[in-house]
């Protein structure tokens, strides 16, 4: 784990839930930032009107991307399982973090409270129906559904109440997979293979106007 100076951590000021909670009238796009030129990539996605950014892990690349735009919130994608992990995520610029929904309820609640102390949004990470049920019972306001296909993500999203914000992350998805998700989830994680491709600006205008 990256060493962080806890004394230098400041609370989040960007509201991730606000941009993700579309009530499915549109679909917020969350662009994943890579390690190459993260600040420039964050600025490009900002200019394309992407709703949020994400990083595969907390670290210097996330920090550069988070500082690359003042208004677009940042999500840390890996499941954080300790206070130290949350502090590292916030230190490097995260405005939201994932917590494994399958954890015992008291453990999930303690981790979620720890995340909220830095004003980050705790998001329940779910990959099956049991973890969706656990996330709902935990009172999570947002769930990240990780699935192998759009069809699988849609089936899992349908298990969550419409009052809960659902973000979908599809393994190896493409533009058509993202289009299939619209109306079924509030937001979708967009890998670099999609947002760096020609025509992405049109996809943003279509899905995340």
C-alpha atoms as a PDB file:
ATOM      1  CA  UNK A   1       0.000   0.000   0.000  1.00  0.00           C
ATOM      2  CA  UNK A   2       1.162   3.508  -0.826  1.00  0.00           C
ATOM      3  CA  UNK A   3       2.454   5.437   2.200  1.00  0.00           C
ATOM      4  CA  UNK A   4       0.432   8.590   2.838  1.00  0.00           C
ATOM      5  CA  UNK A   5       0.743  11.551   5.157  1.00  0.00           C
ATOM      6  CA  UNK A   6      -2.526  11.375   7.082  1.00  0.00           C
ATOM      7  CA  UNK A   7      -2.070  14.906   8.390  1.00  0.00           C
ATOM      8  CA  UNK A   8      -2.197  16.334   4.876  1.00  0.00           C
ATOM      9  CA  UNK A   9      -5.509  14.699   3.928  1.00  0.00           C
ATOM     10  CA  UNK A  10      -8.395  17.090   3.364  1.00  0.00           C
ATOM     11  CA  UNK A  11     -12.079  16.101   3.005  1.00  0.00           C
ATOM     12  CA  UNK A  12     -13.589  15.612  -0.428  1.00  0.00           C
ATOM     13  CA  UNK A  13     -15.388  18.621  -1.873  1.00  0.00           C
ATOM     14  CA  UNK A  14     -16.733  16.979  -5.050  1.00  0.00           C
ATOM     15  CA  UNK A  15     -20.095  15.205  -4.816  1.00  0.00           C
ATOM     16  CA  UNK A  16     -19.763  11.874  -6.627  1.00  0.00           C
ATOM     17  CA  UNK A  17     -23.263  10.681  -5.755  1.00  0.00           C
ATOM     18  CA  UNK A  18     -24.816  13.785  -7.254  1.00  0.00           C
ATOM     19  CA  UNK A  19     -23.369  13.091 -10.700  1.00  0.00           C
ATOM     20  CA  UNK A  20     -24.034   9.341 -10.572  1.00  0.00           C
ATOM     21  CA  UNK A  21     -27.645   9.513  -9.392  1.00  0.00           C
ATOM     22  CA  UNK A  22     -29.283  10.155 -12.762  1.00  0.00           C
ATOM     23  CA  UNK A  23     -32.537   8.339 -11.845  1.00  0.00           C
ATOM     24  CA  UNK A  24     -31.868   6.546 -15.146  1.00  0.00           C
ATOM     25  CA  UNK A  25     -33.143   9.460 -17.215  1.00  0.00           C
ATOM     26  CA  UNK A  26     -29.647   9.434 -18.715  1.00  0.00           C
ATOM     27  CA  UNK A  27     -26.545   7.380 -17.932  1.00  0.00           C
ATOM     28  CA  UNK A  28     -23.535   9.000 -16.305  1.00  0.00           C
ATOM     29  CA  UNK A  29     -20.231   7.867 -17.824  1.00  0.00           C
ATOM     30  CA  UNK A  30     -17.233   7.241 -15.566  1.00  0.00           C
ATOM     31  CA  UNK A  31     -13.978   7.264 -17.540  1.00  0.00           C
ATOM     32  CA  UNK A  32     -11.123   5.100 -16.275  1.00  0.00           C
ATOM     33  CA  UNK A  33      -7.815   6.963 -16.237  1.00  0.00           C
ATOM     34  CA  UNK A  34      -4.630   5.119 -17.153  1.00  0.00           C
ATOM     35  CA  UNK A  35      -1.063   5.653 -15.972  1.00  0.00           C
ATOM     36  CA  UNK A  36       0.014   7.455 -19.154  1.00  0.00           C
ATOM     37  CA  UNK A  37      -0.604  11.230 -19.130  1.00  0.00           C
ATOM     38  CA  UNK A  38      -3.379  11.049 -16.504  1.00  0.00           C
ATOM     39  CA  UNK A  39      -3.770  14.813 -16.109  1.00  0.00           C
ATOM     40  CA  UNK A  40      -4.140  15.309 -19.846  1.00  0.00           C
ATOM     41  CA  UNK A  41      -6.577  12.417 -20.080  1.00  0.00           C
ATOM     42  CA  UNK A  42      -8.666  13.815 -17.233  1.00  0.00           C
ATOM     43  CA  UNK A  43      -8.770  17.208 -18.961  1.00  0.00           C
ATOM     44  CA  UNK A  44      -9.802  15.579 -22.246  1.00  0.00           C
ATOM     45  CA  UNK A  45     -12.639  13.656 -20.600  1.00  0.00           C
ATOM     46  CA  UNK A  46     -13.706  16.811 -18.786  1.00  0.00           C
ATOM     47  CA  UNK A  47     -13.882  18.636 -22.107  1.00  0.00           C
ATOM     48  CA  UNK A  48     -16.017  15.777 -23.470  1.00  0.00           C
ATOM     49  CA  UNK A  49     -18.452  16.304 -20.571  1.00  0.00           C
ATOM     50  CA  UNK A  50     -17.875  12.919 -18.916  1.00  0.00           C
ATOM     51  CA  UNK A  51     -19.591  12.908 -15.514  1.00  0.00           C
ATOM     52  CA  UNK A  52     -16.868  11.275 -13.402  1.00  0.00           C
ATOM     53  CA  UNK A  53     -13.421   9.692 -13.502  1.00  0.00           C
ATOM     54  CA  UNK A  54     -12.137   6.427 -12.047  1.00  0.00           C
ATOM     55  CA  UNK A  55      -8.784   4.834 -11.318  1.00  0.00           C
ATOM     56  CA  UNK A  56      -7.812   1.184 -11.030  1.00  0.00           C
ATOM     57  CA  UNK A  57      -5.808   1.946  -7.887  1.00  0.00           C
ATOM     58  CA  UNK A  58      -4.882   4.892  -5.662  1.00  0.00           C
ATOM     59  CA  UNK A  59      -1.518   6.354  -6.540  1.00  0.00           C
ATOM     60  CA  UNK A  60       0.290   9.214  -8.263  1.00  0.00           C
ATOM     61  CA  UNK A  61      -1.605   8.740 -11.543  1.00  0.00           C
ATOM     62  CA  UNK A  62      -4.914   9.113  -9.720  1.00  0.00           C
ATOM     63  CA  UNK A  63      -3.627  12.232  -7.981  1.00  0.00           C
ATOM     64  CA  UNK A  64      -2.575  13.834 -11.251  1.00  0.00           C
ATOM     65  CA  UNK A  65      -5.931  13.022 -12.829  1.00  0.00           C
ATOM     66  CA  UNK A  66      -7.853  14.321  -9.805  1.00  0.00           C
ATOM     67  CA  UNK A  67      -5.929  17.591  -9.986  1.00  0.00           C
ATOM     68  CA  UNK A  68      -6.409  17.730 -13.771  1.00  0.00           C
ATOM     69  CA  UNK A  69      -9.962  19.009 -13.300  1.00  0.00           C
ATOM     70  CA  UNK A  70     -11.501  20.910 -10.407  1.00  0.00           C
ATOM     71  CA  UNK A  71     -15.077  19.745 -10.890  1.00  0.00           C
ATOM     72  CA  UNK A  72     -15.135  16.108 -12.092  1.00  0.00           C
ATOM     73  CA  UNK A  73     -15.224  13.670  -9.126  1.00  0.00           C
ATOM     74  CA  UNK A  74     -12.925  10.642  -8.891  1.00  0.00           C
ATOM     75  CA  UNK A  75     -13.832   7.048  -7.965  1.00  0.00           C
ATOM     76  CA  UNK A  76     -11.293   4.551  -6.625  1.00  0.00           C
ATOM     77  CA  UNK A  77     -12.323   1.175  -8.113  1.00  0.00           C
ATOM     78  CA  UNK A  78     -10.625  -1.491  -5.942  1.00  0.00           C
ATOM     79  CA  UNK A  79     -12.415  -2.719  -2.842  1.00  0.00           C
ATOM     80  CA  UNK A  80     -10.898  -0.924   0.144  1.00  0.00           C
ATOM     81  CA  UNK A  81     -10.857  -3.044   3.279  1.00  0.00           C
ATOM     82  CA  UNK A  82      -9.246  -0.865   5.925  1.00  0.00           C
ATOM     83  CA  UNK A  83      -9.056   2.686   7.241  1.00  0.00           C
ATOM     84  CA  UNK A  84      -5.551   2.923   5.776  1.00  0.00           C
ATOM     85  CA  UNK A  85      -6.908   2.046   2.337  1.00  0.00           C
ATOM     86  CA  UNK A  86      -9.546   4.778   2.582  1.00  0.00           C
ATOM     87  CA  UNK A  87      -6.991   7.346   3.683  1.00  0.00           C
ATOM     88  CA  UNK A  88      -4.765   6.383   0.749  1.00  0.00           C
ATOM     89  CA  UNK A  89      -7.667   6.729  -1.674  1.00  0.00           C
ATOM     90  CA  UNK A  90      -8.542  10.180  -0.360  1.00  0.00           C
ATOM     91  CA  UNK A  91      -4.879  11.256  -0.209  1.00  0.00           C
ATOM     92  CA  UNK A  92      -4.588  10.550  -3.934  1.00  0.00           C
ATOM     93  CA  UNK A  93      -7.804  12.386  -4.784  1.00  0.00           C
ATOM     94  CA  UNK A  94     -10.698   9.924  -4.568  1.00  0.00           C
ATOM     95  CA  UNK A  95     -14.203  11.259  -3.902  1.00  0.00           C
ATOM     96  CA  UNK A  96     -15.686   7.766  -3.682  1.00  0.00           C
ATOM     97  CA  UNK A  97     -14.445   4.293  -2.755  1.00  0.00           C
ATOM     98  CA  UNK A  98     -15.724   0.744  -3.159  1.00  0.00           C
ATOM     99  CA  UNK A  99     -16.381  -1.650  -0.281  1.00  0.00           C
ATOM    100  CA  UNK A 100     -17.031  -5.355  -0.793  1.00  0.00           C
ATOM    101  CA  UNK A 101     -20.758  -5.824  -0.236  1.00  0.00           C
ATOM    102  CA  UNK A 102     -20.277  -9.434   0.884  1.00  0.00           C
ATOM    103  CA  UNK A 103     -18.548  -8.362   4.110  1.00  0.00           C
ATOM    104  CA  UNK A 104     -20.451  -8.889   7.375  1.00  0.00           C
ATOM    105  CA  UNK A 105     -22.875  -6.038   7.967  1.00  0.00           C
ATOM    106  CA  UNK A 106     -21.032  -4.611  10.975  1.00  0.00           C
ATOM    107  CA  UNK A 107     -17.736  -4.613   9.065  1.00  0.00           C
ATOM    108  CA  UNK A 108     -19.320  -2.931   6.027  1.00  0.00           C
ATOM    109  CA  UNK A 109     -20.946  -0.319   8.225  1.00  0.00           C
ATOM    110  CA  UNK A 110     -17.674   0.466  10.026  1.00  0.00           C
ATOM    111  CA  UNK A 111     -15.795   0.852   6.740  1.00  0.00           C
ATOM    112  CA  UNK A 112     -18.543   3.007   5.246  1.00  0.00           C
ATOM    113  CA  UNK A 113     -18.444   5.305   8.279  1.00  0.00           C
ATOM    114  CA  UNK A 114     -14.668   5.515   7.924  1.00  0.00           C
ATOM    115  CA  UNK A 115     -15.048   6.601   4.298  1.00  0.00           C
ATOM    116  CA  UNK A 116     -17.637   9.209   5.210  1.00  0.00           C
ATOM    117  CA  UNK A 117     -15.279  10.843   7.693  1.00  0.00           C
ATOM    118  CA  UNK A 118     -13.391  12.142   4.655  1.00  0.00           C
ATOM    119  CA  UNK A 119     -16.673  12.960   2.871  1.00  0.00           C
ATOM    120  CA  UNK A 120     -16.103  10.251   0.301  1.00  0.00           C
ATOM    121  CA  UNK A 121     -19.016   8.216  -1.039  1.00  0.00           C
ATOM    122  CA  UNK A 122     -18.883   4.540   0.038  1.00  0.00           C
ATOM    123  CA  UNK A 123     -20.082   2.349  -2.846  1.00  0.00           C
ATOM    124  CA  UNK A 124     -21.010  -1.288  -2.283  1.00  0.00           C
ATOM    125  CA  UNK A 125     -19.165  -3.538  -4.729  1.00  0.00           C
ATOM    126  CA  UNK A 126     -21.381  -6.430  -5.859  1.00  0.00           C
ATOM    127  CA  UNK A 127     -20.855  -9.245  -8.361  1.00  0.00           C
ATOM    128  CA  UNK A 128     -23.763 -11.576  -7.654  1.00  0.00           C
ATOM    129  CA  UNK A 129     -27.329 -11.584  -6.358  1.00  0.00           C
ATOM    130  CA  UNK A 130     -26.288 -12.368  -2.783  1.00  0.00           C
ATOM    131  CA  UNK A 131     -23.995  -9.349  -2.623  1.00  0.00           C
ATOM    132  CA  UNK A 132     -26.714  -7.138  -4.120  1.00  0.00           C
ATOM    133  CA  UNK A 133     -29.043  -8.253  -1.317  1.00  0.00           C
ATOM    134  CA  UNK A 134     -26.300  -7.596   1.243  1.00  0.00           C
ATOM    135  CA  UNK A 135     -25.673  -4.125  -0.190  1.00  0.00           C
ATOM    136  CA  UNK A 136     -29.355  -3.250   0.060  1.00  0.00           C
ATOM    137  CA  UNK A 137     -29.537  -4.519   3.649  1.00  0.00           C
ATOM    138  CA  UNK A 138     -26.476  -2.440   4.531  1.00  0.00           C
ATOM    139  CA  UNK A 139     -28.290   0.722   3.493  1.00  0.00           C
ATOM    140  CA  UNK A 140     -25.782   1.555   0.757  1.00  0.00           C
ATOM    141  CA  UNK A 141     -26.856   4.550  -1.289  1.00  0.00           C
ATOM    142  CA  UNK A 142     -24.869   3.349  -4.309  1.00  0.00           C
ATOM    143  CA  UNK A 143     -23.848  -0.053  -5.682  1.00  0.00           C
ATOM    144  CA  UNK A 144     -21.198  -0.842  -8.268  1.00  0.00           C
ATOM    145  CA  UNK A 145     -22.218  -3.975 -10.165  1.00  0.00           C
ATOM    146  CA  UNK A 146     -19.229  -5.780 -11.689  1.00  0.00           C
ATOM    147  CA  UNK A 147     -20.310  -8.256 -14.378  1.00  0.00           C
ATOM    148  CA  UNK A 148     -19.064 -10.137 -17.432  1.00  0.00           C
ATOM    149  CA  UNK A 149     -21.717  -8.746 -19.792  1.00  0.00           C
ATOM    150  CA  UNK A 150     -24.368  -6.082 -20.138  1.00  0.00           C
ATOM    151  CA  UNK A 151     -27.058  -8.736 -19.750  1.00  0.00           C
ATOM    152  CA  UNK A 152     -25.575  -9.945 -16.455  1.00  0.00           C
ATOM    153  CA  UNK A 153     -25.210  -6.376 -15.170  1.00  0.00           C
ATOM    154  CA  UNK A 154     -28.819  -5.577 -16.069  1.00  0.00           C
ATOM    155  CA  UNK A 155     -30.081  -8.699 -14.286  1.00  0.00           C
ATOM    156  CA  UNK A 156     -28.202  -7.770 -11.121  1.00  0.00           C
ATOM    157  CA  UNK A 157     -29.237  -4.116 -11.291  1.00  0.00           C
ATOM    158  CA  UNK A 158     -32.871  -5.205 -11.412  1.00  0.00           C
ATOM    159  CA  UNK A 159     -32.450  -6.710  -7.926  1.00  0.00           C
ATOM    160  CA  UNK A 160     -31.721  -3.284  -6.395  1.00  0.00           C
ATOM    161  CA  UNK A 161     -34.451  -0.783  -5.479  1.00  0.00           C
ATOM    162  CA  UNK A 162     -34.749   2.161  -7.849  1.00  0.00           C
ATOM    163  CA  UNK A 163     -33.905   4.437  -4.930  1.00  0.00           C
ATOM    164  CA  UNK A 164     -30.367   3.002  -4.896  1.00  0.00           C
ATOM    165  CA  UNK A 165     -27.904   4.379  -7.445  1.00  0.00           C
ATOM    166  CA  UNK A 166     -26.456   1.562  -9.571  1.00  0.00           C
ATOM    167  CA  UNK A 167     -23.170   1.827 -11.468  1.00  0.00           C
ATOM    168  CA  UNK A 168     -22.257  -0.944 -13.924  1.00  0.00           C
ATOM    169  CA  UNK A 169     -18.744  -2.103 -14.765  1.00  0.00           C
ATOM    170  CA  UNK A 170     -18.584  -4.629 -17.611  1.00  0.00           C
ATOM    171  CA  UNK A 171     -15.487  -6.686 -18.290  1.00  0.00           C
ATOM    172  CA  UNK A 172     -14.313  -6.035 -21.846  1.00  0.00           C
ATOM    173  CA  UNK A 173     -17.409  -4.054 -22.806  1.00  0.00           C
ATOM    174  CA  UNK A 174     -17.802  -1.906 -25.920  1.00  0.00           C
ATOM    175  CA  UNK A 175     -20.004   0.951 -27.059  1.00  0.00           C
ATOM    176  CA  UNK A 176     -22.929  -1.341 -27.828  1.00  0.00           C
ATOM    177  CA  UNK A 177     -22.700  -2.842 -24.339  1.00  0.00           C
ATOM    178  CA  UNK A 178     -22.890   0.639 -22.848  1.00  0.00           C
ATOM    179  CA  UNK A 179     -25.914   1.460 -24.989  1.00  0.00           C
ATOM    180  CA  UNK A 180     -27.606  -1.715 -23.755  1.00  0.00           C
ATOM    181  CA  UNK A 181     -27.224  -0.544 -20.170  1.00  0.00           C
ATOM    182  CA  UNK A 182     -29.077   2.737 -20.652  1.00  0.00           C
ATOM    183  CA  UNK A 183     -32.349   2.810 -18.757  1.00  0.00           C
ATOM    184  CA  UNK A 184     -31.265  -0.066 -16.528  1.00  0.00           C
ATOM    185  CA  UNK A 185     -28.471   1.590 -14.496  1.00  0.00           C
ATOM    186  CA  UNK A 186     -27.649   5.111 -13.420  1.00  0.00           C
ATOM    187  CA  UNK A 187     -24.021   5.117 -14.537  1.00  0.00           C
ATOM    188  CA  UNK A 188     -21.414   2.993 -16.267  1.00  0.00           C
ATOM    189  CA  UNK A 189     -17.641   2.659 -15.987  1.00  0.00           C
ATOM    190  CA  UNK A 190     -15.940   3.327 -19.331  1.00  0.00           C
ATOM    191  CA  UNK A 191     -12.532   1.721 -19.957  1.00  0.00           C
ATOM    192  CA  UNK A 192      -9.805   3.494 -21.881  1.00  0.00           C
ATOM    193  CA  UNK A 193     -10.342   1.184 -24.865  1.00  0.00           C
ATOM    194  CA  UNK A 194     -13.702   2.911 -25.377  1.00  0.00           C
ATOM    195  CA  UNK A 195     -13.051   6.504 -24.381  1.00  0.00           C
ATOM    196  CA  UNK A 196      -9.849   6.717 -26.430  1.00  0.00           C
ATOM    197  CA  UNK A 197     -11.559   5.398 -29.562  1.00  0.00           C
ATOM    198  CA  UNK A 198     -12.921   7.486 -32.413  1.00  0.00           C
ATOM    199  CA  UNK A 199     -16.574   8.361 -31.950  1.00  0.00           C
ATOM    200  CA  UNK A 200     -16.524   8.537 -28.175  1.00  0.00           C
ATOM    201  CA  UNK A 201     -17.669  12.168 -28.170  1.00  0.00           C
ATOM    202  CA  UNK A 202     -20.827  11.087 -29.995  1.00  0.00           C
ATOM    203  CA  UNK A 203     -21.354   8.287 -27.462  1.00  0.00           C
ATOM    204  CA  UNK A 204     -21.130  10.778 -24.593  1.00  0.00           C
ATOM    205  CA  UNK A 205     -23.660  13.044 -26.320  1.00  0.00           C
ATOM    206  CA  UNK A 206     -25.964  10.048 -26.757  1.00  0.00           C
ATOM    207  CA  UNK A 207     -25.725   8.536 -23.278  1.00  0.00           C
ATOM    208  CA  UNK A 208     -24.511  11.284 -20.929  1.00  0.00           C
ATOM    209  CA  UNK A 209     -25.773  14.579 -22.375  1.00  0.00           C
END
